[in-house]
């Protein structure tokens, strides 16, 4: 379970590491996690990453891009260092299994804005090559943008309801992409929504809730979104993700081990 996160007042709202809630909610609120999903099949999500503290506490999700790089949200890595994060791959459970890798570099988008929750993207390089197996594989970046009505797959660990229990097993749920215009309309009293973000909404009782931040939103086997922020939890509001297609060039530039001009890099 992630450590309790400090809160920042945002108008009549409260922003929590990329997640927004009304101030009369429990102030121990943490990261978004899946509500209304089901257990993922063993080995069925081979690109899924668990970002953990050195005490082995899961705090965010991520996705394997290649044998050295992991994609996640900027709000998952702000305030972290290479010494404070470990990457775990190849397991559907938080309590056991998987391969563990240390981190040598964290690159955060230089224009990440924690107030507006924009440019919420980060990449992490591990210290040695990730060994690929049937349960550990990279996921491809999108070749085209995601359109309204697209079928999406969200995976991650977290509360099954709010308040509720924390699952040990990786959860998955099928969602539907919402147009940016419709999402902006539904969230206009909460926080701005931008074209560089994807929204999903199916029905009340299904969607993201508290720890999936940074985790993958997938369309046709390619990663199209990074869990960024939302209203807790599956109450009929859209969930908001960083639109990977909008940051594809940034991602490719930085995981080439050559691009630093668009980034804030941390190496320790």
C-alpha atoms as a PDB file:
ATOM      1  CA  UNK A   1       0.000   0.000   0.000  1.00  0.00           C
ATOM      2  CA  UNK A   2       1.374   3.404  -0.909  1.00  0.00           C
ATOM      3  CA  UNK A   3       2.345   5.849   1.781  1.00  0.00           C
ATOM      4  CA  UNK A   4      -0.222   8.546   2.633  1.00  0.00           C
ATOM      5  CA  UNK A   5       0.318  11.483   0.304  1.00  0.00           C
ATOM      6  CA  UNK A   6       0.391  15.140   1.341  1.00  0.00           C
ATOM      7  CA  UNK A   7      -2.489  17.286   0.078  1.00  0.00           C
ATOM      8  CA  UNK A   8      -2.511  20.603  -1.748  1.00  0.00           C
ATOM      9  CA  UNK A   9      -5.600  22.833  -1.750  1.00  0.00           C
ATOM     10  CA  UNK A  10      -6.795  23.638  -5.264  1.00  0.00           C
ATOM     11  CA  UNK A  11      -9.658  26.157  -5.209  1.00  0.00           C
ATOM     12  CA  UNK A  12     -12.533  24.214  -3.610  1.00  0.00           C
ATOM     13  CA  UNK A  13     -10.840  20.958  -4.604  1.00  0.00           C
ATOM     14  CA  UNK A  14      -7.903  19.013  -3.304  1.00  0.00           C
ATOM     15  CA  UNK A  15      -5.208  17.657  -5.624  1.00  0.00           C
ATOM     16  CA  UNK A  16      -3.491  14.447  -4.512  1.00  0.00           C
ATOM     17  CA  UNK A  17      -0.466  13.386  -6.592  1.00  0.00           C
ATOM     18  CA  UNK A  18      -2.501  13.814  -9.771  1.00  0.00           C
ATOM     19  CA  UNK A  19      -5.914  12.842  -8.364  1.00  0.00           C
ATOM     20  CA  UNK A  20      -8.659  15.325  -7.486  1.00  0.00           C
ATOM     21  CA  UNK A  21     -11.272  14.978  -4.775  1.00  0.00           C
ATOM     22  CA  UNK A  22     -13.744  17.186  -2.958  1.00  0.00           C
ATOM     23  CA  UNK A  23     -12.486  18.345   0.465  1.00  0.00           C
ATOM     24  CA  UNK A  24     -15.146  16.479   2.448  1.00  0.00           C
ATOM     25  CA  UNK A  25     -13.596  13.139   1.396  1.00  0.00           C
ATOM     26  CA  UNK A  26     -11.274  11.105   3.605  1.00  0.00           C
ATOM     27  CA  UNK A  27      -7.934  12.965   3.558  1.00  0.00           C
ATOM     28  CA  UNK A  28      -5.985   9.715   3.505  1.00  0.00           C
ATOM     29  CA  UNK A  29      -6.997   9.366  -0.149  1.00  0.00           C
ATOM     30  CA  UNK A  30      -4.237   7.931  -2.311  1.00  0.00           C
ATOM     31  CA  UNK A  31      -3.730   7.028  -5.976  1.00  0.00           C
ATOM     32  CA  UNK A  32      -6.359   5.956  -8.547  1.00  0.00           C
ATOM     33  CA  UNK A  33      -7.076   2.229  -8.710  1.00  0.00           C
ATOM     34  CA  UNK A  34      -9.558   0.013 -10.551  1.00  0.00           C
ATOM     35  CA  UNK A  35     -13.184  -0.394  -9.461  1.00  0.00           C
ATOM     36  CA  UNK A  36     -15.489  -2.920 -11.097  1.00  0.00           C
ATOM     37  CA  UNK A  37     -12.734  -4.897 -12.809  1.00  0.00           C
ATOM     38  CA  UNK A  38     -11.640  -8.526 -12.677  1.00  0.00           C
ATOM     39  CA  UNK A  39      -8.436 -10.476 -12.086  1.00  0.00           C
ATOM     40  CA  UNK A  40      -6.075 -10.302 -15.059  1.00  0.00           C
ATOM     41  CA  UNK A  41      -5.025 -13.677 -16.494  1.00  0.00           C
ATOM     42  CA  UNK A  42      -1.614 -14.901 -15.360  1.00  0.00           C
ATOM     43  CA  UNK A  43       0.967 -13.572 -17.818  1.00  0.00           C
ATOM     44  CA  UNK A  44      -1.749 -11.792 -19.802  1.00  0.00           C
ATOM     45  CA  UNK A  45      -0.377  -8.289 -19.200  1.00  0.00           C
ATOM     46  CA  UNK A  46       3.366  -8.873 -19.692  1.00  0.00           C
ATOM     47  CA  UNK A  47       4.190  -5.165 -20.053  1.00  0.00           C
ATOM     48  CA  UNK A  48       2.766  -4.211 -16.635  1.00  0.00           C
ATOM     49  CA  UNK A  49       5.187  -2.697 -14.120  1.00  0.00           C
ATOM     50  CA  UNK A  50       4.874  -2.160 -10.377  1.00  0.00           C
ATOM     51  CA  UNK A  51       6.889   0.822  -9.128  1.00  0.00           C
ATOM     52  CA  UNK A  52       7.844   0.244  -5.519  1.00  0.00           C
ATOM     53  CA  UNK A  53       9.715   1.876  -2.693  1.00  0.00           C
ATOM     54  CA  UNK A  54      12.880   0.314  -1.334  1.00  0.00           C
ATOM     55  CA  UNK A  55      10.615  -1.195   1.348  1.00  0.00           C
ATOM     56  CA  UNK A  56       8.750  -3.020  -1.469  1.00  0.00           C
ATOM     57  CA  UNK A  57       5.617  -0.860  -1.166  1.00  0.00           C
ATOM     58  CA  UNK A  58       3.763  -0.438  -4.484  1.00  0.00           C
ATOM     59  CA  UNK A  59       2.989   3.217  -5.214  1.00  0.00           C
ATOM     60  CA  UNK A  60       2.450   3.485  -8.989  1.00  0.00           C
ATOM     61  CA  UNK A  61       2.124   1.492 -12.180  1.00  0.00           C
ATOM     62  CA  UNK A  62       4.168   1.652 -15.352  1.00  0.00           C
ATOM     63  CA  UNK A  63       4.775  -0.035 -18.711  1.00  0.00           C
ATOM     64  CA  UNK A  64       7.834  -1.727 -20.245  1.00  0.00           C
ATOM     65  CA  UNK A  65       8.888   0.080 -23.441  1.00  0.00           C
ATOM     66  CA  UNK A  66      12.075  -1.883 -24.146  1.00  0.00           C
ATOM     67  CA  UNK A  67      14.741  -3.780 -22.225  1.00  0.00           C
ATOM     68  CA  UNK A  68      15.926  -0.663 -20.370  1.00  0.00           C
ATOM     69  CA  UNK A  69      13.052   1.830 -20.237  1.00  0.00           C
ATOM     70  CA  UNK A  70       9.724   2.063 -18.397  1.00  0.00           C
ATOM     71  CA  UNK A  71       6.942   4.598 -19.081  1.00  0.00           C
ATOM     72  CA  UNK A  72       4.992   6.142 -16.204  1.00  0.00           C
ATOM     73  CA  UNK A  73       3.433   9.418 -15.016  1.00  0.00           C
ATOM     74  CA  UNK A  74       5.479  12.452 -14.000  1.00  0.00           C
ATOM     75  CA  UNK A  75       3.560  12.758 -10.733  1.00  0.00           C
ATOM     76  CA  UNK A  76       4.798   9.261  -9.820  1.00  0.00           C
ATOM     77  CA  UNK A  77       8.451  10.278 -10.085  1.00  0.00           C
ATOM     78  CA  UNK A  78       8.499  13.912  -8.918  1.00  0.00           C
ATOM     79  CA  UNK A  79      10.335  13.971  -5.596  1.00  0.00           C
ATOM     80  CA  UNK A  80      11.770  10.516  -6.196  1.00  0.00           C
ATOM     81  CA  UNK A  81      15.375   9.609  -6.941  1.00  0.00           C
ATOM     82  CA  UNK A  82      16.985   6.656  -8.627  1.00  0.00           C
ATOM     83  CA  UNK A  83      17.829   5.361  -5.160  1.00  0.00           C
ATOM     84  CA  UNK A  84      14.235   5.466  -3.909  1.00  0.00           C
ATOM     85  CA  UNK A  85      12.523   3.434  -6.678  1.00  0.00           C
ATOM     86  CA  UNK A  86      12.658  -0.184  -7.731  1.00  0.00           C
ATOM     87  CA  UNK A  87      10.932  -1.663 -10.783  1.00  0.00           C
ATOM     88  CA  UNK A  88       9.157  -5.031 -10.491  1.00  0.00           C
ATOM     89  CA  UNK A  89       8.008  -6.909 -13.615  1.00  0.00           C
ATOM     90  CA  UNK A  90       6.647 -10.348 -14.493  1.00  0.00           C
ATOM     91  CA  UNK A  91       4.087 -10.869 -11.739  1.00  0.00           C
ATOM     92  CA  UNK A  92       0.340 -10.421 -11.315  1.00  0.00           C
ATOM     93  CA  UNK A  93       0.622 -10.284  -7.533  1.00  0.00           C
ATOM     94  CA  UNK A  94       2.020  -7.646  -5.230  1.00  0.00           C
ATOM     95  CA  UNK A  95       2.985 -10.048  -2.472  1.00  0.00           C
ATOM     96  CA  UNK A  96       5.128 -12.471  -4.434  1.00  0.00           C
ATOM     97  CA  UNK A  97       6.936 -13.237  -7.671  1.00  0.00           C
ATOM     98  CA  UNK A  98       8.416 -11.065 -10.366  1.00  0.00           C
ATOM     99  CA  UNK A  99      11.858  -9.754 -11.254  1.00  0.00           C
ATOM    100  CA  UNK A 100      13.219  -6.681  -9.524  1.00  0.00           C
ATOM    101  CA  UNK A 101      15.398  -4.003 -11.143  1.00  0.00           C
ATOM    102  CA  UNK A 102      17.190  -0.974  -9.757  1.00  0.00           C
ATOM    103  CA  UNK A 103      16.949   2.440 -11.418  1.00  0.00           C
ATOM    104  CA  UNK A 104      19.734   4.676 -12.689  1.00  0.00           C
ATOM    105  CA  UNK A 105      17.851   7.479 -14.492  1.00  0.00           C
ATOM    106  CA  UNK A 106      14.496   9.244 -14.181  1.00  0.00           C
ATOM    107  CA  UNK A 107      13.446  11.722 -16.880  1.00  0.00           C
ATOM    108  CA  UNK A 108      10.443  13.956 -16.166  1.00  0.00           C
ATOM    109  CA  UNK A 109       8.840  16.141 -18.818  1.00  0.00           C
ATOM    110  CA  UNK A 110      10.210  19.628 -18.226  1.00  0.00           C
ATOM    111  CA  UNK A 111       6.749  21.181 -18.705  1.00  0.00           C
ATOM    112  CA  UNK A 112       4.962  18.946 -16.203  1.00  0.00           C
ATOM    113  CA  UNK A 113       2.475  21.115 -14.300  1.00  0.00           C
ATOM    114  CA  UNK A 114       1.243  19.630 -11.034  1.00  0.00           C
ATOM    115  CA  UNK A 115      -1.439  22.332 -10.656  1.00  0.00           C
ATOM    116  CA  UNK A 116      -3.136  21.806 -14.023  1.00  0.00           C
ATOM    117  CA  UNK A 117      -1.916  18.168 -14.206  1.00  0.00           C
ATOM    118  CA  UNK A 118      -0.540  18.541 -17.726  1.00  0.00           C
ATOM    119  CA  UNK A 119       2.461  16.909 -19.457  1.00  0.00           C
ATOM    120  CA  UNK A 120       2.157  14.147 -16.863  1.00  0.00           C
ATOM    121  CA  UNK A 121       4.717  11.798 -18.395  1.00  0.00           C
ATOM    122  CA  UNK A 122       8.022  10.349 -17.245  1.00  0.00           C
ATOM    123  CA  UNK A 123      10.429   7.594 -18.292  1.00  0.00           C
ATOM    124  CA  UNK A 124      12.654   5.469 -16.056  1.00  0.00           C
ATOM    125  CA  UNK A 125      15.804   3.595 -17.057  1.00  0.00           C
ATOM    126  CA  UNK A 126      16.802   0.479 -15.144  1.00  0.00           C
ATOM    127  CA  UNK A 127      20.417  -0.371 -14.392  1.00  0.00           C
ATOM    128  CA  UNK A 128      20.528  -3.593 -16.414  1.00  0.00           C
ATOM    129  CA  UNK A 129      18.625  -5.119 -19.302  1.00  0.00           C
ATOM    130  CA  UNK A 130      15.198  -6.502 -18.462  1.00  0.00           C
ATOM    131  CA  UNK A 131      15.133 -10.196 -19.310  1.00  0.00           C
ATOM    132  CA  UNK A 132      12.105 -10.905 -21.501  1.00  0.00           C
ATOM    133  CA  UNK A 133      10.041 -14.070 -20.992  1.00  0.00           C
ATOM    134  CA  UNK A 134       6.471 -15.156 -21.734  1.00  0.00           C
ATOM    135  CA  UNK A 135       5.427 -13.070 -18.709  1.00  0.00           C
ATOM    136  CA  UNK A 136       7.718 -10.098 -19.378  1.00  0.00           C
ATOM    137  CA  UNK A 137       7.423  -8.261 -22.702  1.00  0.00           C
ATOM    138  CA  UNK A 138       7.497  -4.651 -23.940  1.00  0.00           C
ATOM    139  CA  UNK A 139       4.463  -2.846 -25.323  1.00  0.00           C
ATOM    140  CA  UNK A 140       4.487  -0.763 -28.497  1.00  0.00           C
ATOM    141  CA  UNK A 141       3.748   2.943 -28.738  1.00  0.00           C
ATOM    142  CA  UNK A 142       0.674   3.913 -30.793  1.00  0.00           C
ATOM    143  CA  UNK A 143       0.875   4.467 -34.557  1.00  0.00           C
ATOM    144  CA  UNK A 144      -2.273   6.620 -34.601  1.00  0.00           C
ATOM    145  CA  UNK A 145      -4.266   8.788 -32.238  1.00  0.00           C
ATOM    146  CA  UNK A 146      -7.104   7.388 -30.130  1.00  0.00           C
ATOM    147  CA  UNK A 147     -10.591   8.430 -31.196  1.00  0.00           C
ATOM    148  CA  UNK A 148     -13.808   8.834 -29.249  1.00  0.00           C
ATOM    149  CA  UNK A 149     -15.578   5.508 -28.793  1.00  0.00           C
ATOM    150  CA  UNK A 150     -12.395   3.428 -28.917  1.00  0.00           C
ATOM    151  CA  UNK A 151     -12.308   0.256 -26.813  1.00  0.00           C
ATOM    152  CA  UNK A 152      -9.632   0.493 -24.120  1.00  0.00           C
ATOM    153  CA  UNK A 153      -8.072  -1.819 -21.536  1.00  0.00           C
ATOM    154  CA  UNK A 154      -6.954  -0.492 -18.144  1.00  0.00           C
ATOM    155  CA  UNK A 155      -4.856  -2.606 -15.751  1.00  0.00           C
ATOM    156  CA  UNK A 156      -3.424  -2.052 -12.297  1.00  0.00           C
ATOM    157  CA  UNK A 157      -3.481  -2.850  -8.610  1.00  0.00           C
ATOM    158  CA  UNK A 158      -5.632  -1.061  -6.092  1.00  0.00           C
ATOM    159  CA  UNK A 159      -8.792  -0.710  -4.108  1.00  0.00           C
ATOM    160  CA  UNK A 160     -11.771  -2.551  -5.515  1.00  0.00           C
ATOM    161  CA  UNK A 161     -14.069   0.120  -4.059  1.00  0.00           C
ATOM    162  CA  UNK A 162     -13.685   3.293  -2.010  1.00  0.00           C
ATOM    163  CA  UNK A 163     -13.363   2.704   0.822  1.00  0.00           C
ATOM    164  CA  UNK A 164     -12.519  -0.927   0.249  1.00  0.00           C
ATOM    165  CA  UNK A 165      -9.908  -3.631   0.144  1.00  0.00           C
ATOM    166  CA  UNK A 166      -6.590  -3.670  -1.700  1.00  0.00           C
ATOM    167  CA  UNK A 167      -6.285  -6.570  -4.149  1.00  0.00           C
ATOM    168  CA  UNK A 168      -3.166  -8.675  -4.284  1.00  0.00           C
ATOM    169  CA  UNK A 169      -3.895  -9.660  -7.887  1.00  0.00           C
ATOM    170  CA  UNK A 170      -3.597  -7.376 -10.910  1.00  0.00           C
ATOM    171  CA  UNK A 171      -6.980  -6.041 -12.014  1.00  0.00           C
ATOM    172  CA  UNK A 172      -8.232  -5.312 -15.540  1.00  0.00           C
ATOM    173  CA  UNK A 173     -11.279  -3.562 -16.968  1.00  0.00           C
ATOM    174  CA  UNK A 174     -12.582  -2.674 -20.434  1.00  0.00           C
ATOM    175  CA  UNK A 175     -13.420   1.010 -20.908  1.00  0.00           C
ATOM    176  CA  UNK A 176     -14.561   3.355 -23.688  1.00  0.00           C
ATOM    177  CA  UNK A 177     -12.791   6.532 -24.842  1.00  0.00           C
ATOM    178  CA  UNK A 178     -14.727   9.758 -24.437  1.00  0.00           C
ATOM    179  CA  UNK A 179     -14.328  12.772 -26.733  1.00  0.00           C
ATOM    180  CA  UNK A 180     -12.207  15.596 -25.324  1.00  0.00           C
ATOM    181  CA  UNK A 181     -15.128  17.999 -25.772  1.00  0.00           C
ATOM    182  CA  UNK A 182     -17.521  15.794 -23.809  1.00  0.00           C
ATOM    183  CA  UNK A 183     -14.908  15.222 -21.120  1.00  0.00           C
ATOM    184  CA  UNK A 184     -14.242  18.955 -20.804  1.00  0.00           C
ATOM    185  CA  UNK A 185     -17.975  19.531 -20.413  1.00  0.00           C
ATOM    186  CA  UNK A 186     -18.292  16.938 -17.641  1.00  0.00           C
ATOM    187  CA  UNK A 187     -15.162  18.124 -15.811  1.00  0.00           C
ATOM    188  CA  UNK A 188     -15.476  21.893 -16.294  1.00  0.00           C
ATOM    189  CA  UNK A 189     -16.029  22.497 -12.562  1.00  0.00           C
ATOM    190  CA  UNK A 190     -13.267  20.105 -11.542  1.00  0.00           C
ATOM    191  CA  UNK A 191     -10.135  20.742 -13.600  1.00  0.00           C
ATOM    192  CA  UNK A 192      -9.350  21.625 -17.235  1.00  0.00           C
ATOM    193  CA  UNK A 193      -9.037  18.776 -19.735  1.00  0.00           C
ATOM    194  CA  UNK A 194      -6.693  19.177 -22.710  1.00  0.00           C
ATOM    195  CA  UNK A 195      -6.242  17.627 -26.151  1.00  0.00           C
ATOM    196  CA  UNK A 196      -3.055  15.988 -24.847  1.00  0.00           C
ATOM    197  CA  UNK A 197      -5.220  13.847 -22.555  1.00  0.00           C
ATOM    198  CA  UNK A 198      -7.588  10.912 -23.075  1.00  0.00           C
ATOM    199  CA  UNK A 199     -10.746  10.408 -21.039  1.00  0.00           C
ATOM    200  CA  UNK A 200     -12.623   7.183 -20.435  1.00  0.00           C
ATOM    201  CA  UNK A 201     -16.099   6.634 -19.075  1.00  0.00           C
ATOM    202  CA  UNK A 202     -18.368   3.614 -19.064  1.00  0.00           C
ATOM    203  CA  UNK A 203     -20.811   3.781 -16.151  1.00  0.00           C
ATOM    204  CA  UNK A 204     -20.926   4.522 -12.456  1.00  0.00           C
ATOM    205  CA  UNK A 205     -19.221   1.718 -10.569  1.00  0.00           C
ATOM    206  CA  UNK A 206     -16.553   1.113 -13.198  1.00  0.00           C
ATOM    207  CA  UNK A 207     -13.231   2.896 -13.649  1.00  0.00           C
ATOM    208  CA  UNK A 208     -10.067   4.014 -11.899  1.00  0.00           C
ATOM    209  CA  UNK A 209      -9.800   4.480  -8.166  1.00  0.00           C
ATOM    210  CA  UNK A 210      -6.966   4.706  -5.526  1.00  0.00           C
ATOM    211  CA  UNK A 211      -2.577   3.482  -6.983  1.00  0.00           C
ATOM    212  CA  UNK A 212      -2.902   2.859 -10.652  1.00  0.00           C
ATOM    213  CA  UNK A 213      -1.308   6.210 -11.424  1.00  0.00           C
ATOM    214  CA  UNK A 214       1.321   5.846 -14.110  1.00  0.00           C
ATOM    215  CA  UNK A 215      -0.162   2.580 -15.335  1.00  0.00           C
ATOM    216  CA  UNK A 216      -1.141   1.599 -18.884  1.00  0.00           C
ATOM    217  CA  UNK A 217      -4.282   2.320 -20.869  1.00  0.00           C
ATOM    218  CA  UNK A 218      -4.164   0.118 -23.974  1.00  0.00           C
ATOM    219  CA  UNK A 219      -5.901   0.115 -27.365  1.00  0.00           C
ATOM    220  CA  UNK A 220      -5.354  -2.744 -29.849  1.00  0.00           C
ATOM    221  CA  UNK A 221      -2.275  -3.956 -27.984  1.00  0.00           C
ATOM    222  CA  UNK A 222      -0.552  -0.552 -27.901  1.00  0.00           C
ATOM    223  CA  UNK A 223      -0.183   1.833 -24.978  1.00  0.00           C
ATOM    224  CA  UNK A 224      -2.241   4.956 -25.637  1.00  0.00           C
ATOM    225  CA  UNK A 225      -2.701   6.401 -22.130  1.00  0.00           C
ATOM    226  CA  UNK A 226      -0.978   6.825 -18.770  1.00  0.00           C
ATOM    227  CA  UNK A 227      -3.221   6.990 -15.680  1.00  0.00           C
ATOM    228  CA  UNK A 228      -3.089  10.618 -14.551  1.00  0.00           C
ATOM    229  CA  UNK A 229      -6.057  11.895 -12.510  1.00  0.00           C
ATOM    230  CA  UNK A 230      -9.754  11.602 -11.780  1.00  0.00           C
ATOM    231  CA  UNK A 231     -12.579  11.864  -9.251  1.00  0.00           C
ATOM    232  CA  UNK A 232     -12.787   9.034  -6.718  1.00  0.00           C
ATOM    233  CA  UNK A 233     -14.013   6.534  -7.307  1.00  0.00           C
ATOM    234  CA  UNK A 234     -16.055   5.262 -10.282  1.00  0.00           C
ATOM    235  CA  UNK A 235     -18.828   7.732  -9.393  1.00  0.00           C
ATOM    236  CA  UNK A 236     -19.788   8.523 -12.968  1.00  0.00           C
ATOM    237  CA  UNK A 237     -17.056  11.055 -13.756  1.00  0.00           C
ATOM    238  CA  UNK A 238     -14.479  10.470 -16.502  1.00  0.00           C
ATOM    239  CA  UNK A 239     -10.978   9.238 -15.696  1.00  0.00           C
ATOM    240  CA  UNK A 240      -8.190  11.265 -17.306  1.00  0.00           C
ATOM    241  CA  UNK A 241      -4.991   9.870 -18.844  1.00  0.00           C
ATOM    242  CA  UNK A 242      -1.935  11.381 -20.491  1.00  0.00           C
ATOM    243  CA  UNK A 243      -2.361  10.862 -24.252  1.00  0.00           C
ATOM    244  CA  UNK A 244       0.735   8.876 -25.261  1.00  0.00           C
ATOM    245  CA  UNK A 245       0.387   9.754 -28.958  1.00  0.00           C
ATOM    246  CA  UNK A 246       0.842  13.443 -28.057  1.00  0.00           C
ATOM    247  CA  UNK A 247       4.156  12.633 -26.363  1.00  0.00           C
ATOM    248  CA  UNK A 248       5.427   9.912 -28.698  1.00  0.00           C
ATOM    249  CA  UNK A 249       8.265  12.035 -30.090  1.00  0.00           C
ATOM    250  CA  UNK A 250       9.286  13.100 -26.569  1.00  0.00           C
ATOM    251  CA  UNK A 251       9.313   9.492 -25.386  1.00  0.00           C
ATOM    252  CA  UNK A 252      11.323   8.228 -28.359  1.00  0.00           C
ATOM    253  CA  UNK A 253      13.824  11.077 -28.052  1.00  0.00           C
ATOM    254  CA  UNK A 254      14.453  10.406 -24.398  1.00  0.00           C
ATOM    255  CA  UNK A 255      14.642   6.619 -24.470  1.00  0.00           C
ATOM    256  CA  UNK A 256      17.235   6.886 -27.236  1.00  0.00           C
ATOM    257  CA  UNK A 257      19.674   7.792 -24.414  1.00  0.00           C
ATOM    258  CA  UNK A 258      20.465  10.971 -26.312  1.00  0.00           C
ATOM    259  CA  UNK A 259      17.676  13.430 -25.674  1.00  0.00           C
ATOM    260  CA  UNK A 260      17.809  15.601 -22.584  1.00  0.00           C
ATOM    261  CA  UNK A 261      16.865  18.990 -24.005  1.00  0.00           C
ATOM    262  CA  UNK A 262      13.107  18.477 -23.419  1.00  0.00           C
ATOM    263  CA  UNK A 263      13.448  16.941 -19.995  1.00  0.00           C
ATOM    264  CA  UNK A 264      14.392  17.170 -16.389  1.00  0.00           C
ATOM    265  CA  UNK A 265      16.818  14.308 -15.699  1.00  0.00           C
ATOM    266  CA  UNK A 266      17.608  12.819 -12.306  1.00  0.00           C
ATOM    267  CA  UNK A 267      20.579  10.520 -11.836  1.00  0.00           C
ATOM    268  CA  UNK A 268      21.890   9.514  -8.455  1.00  0.00           C
END
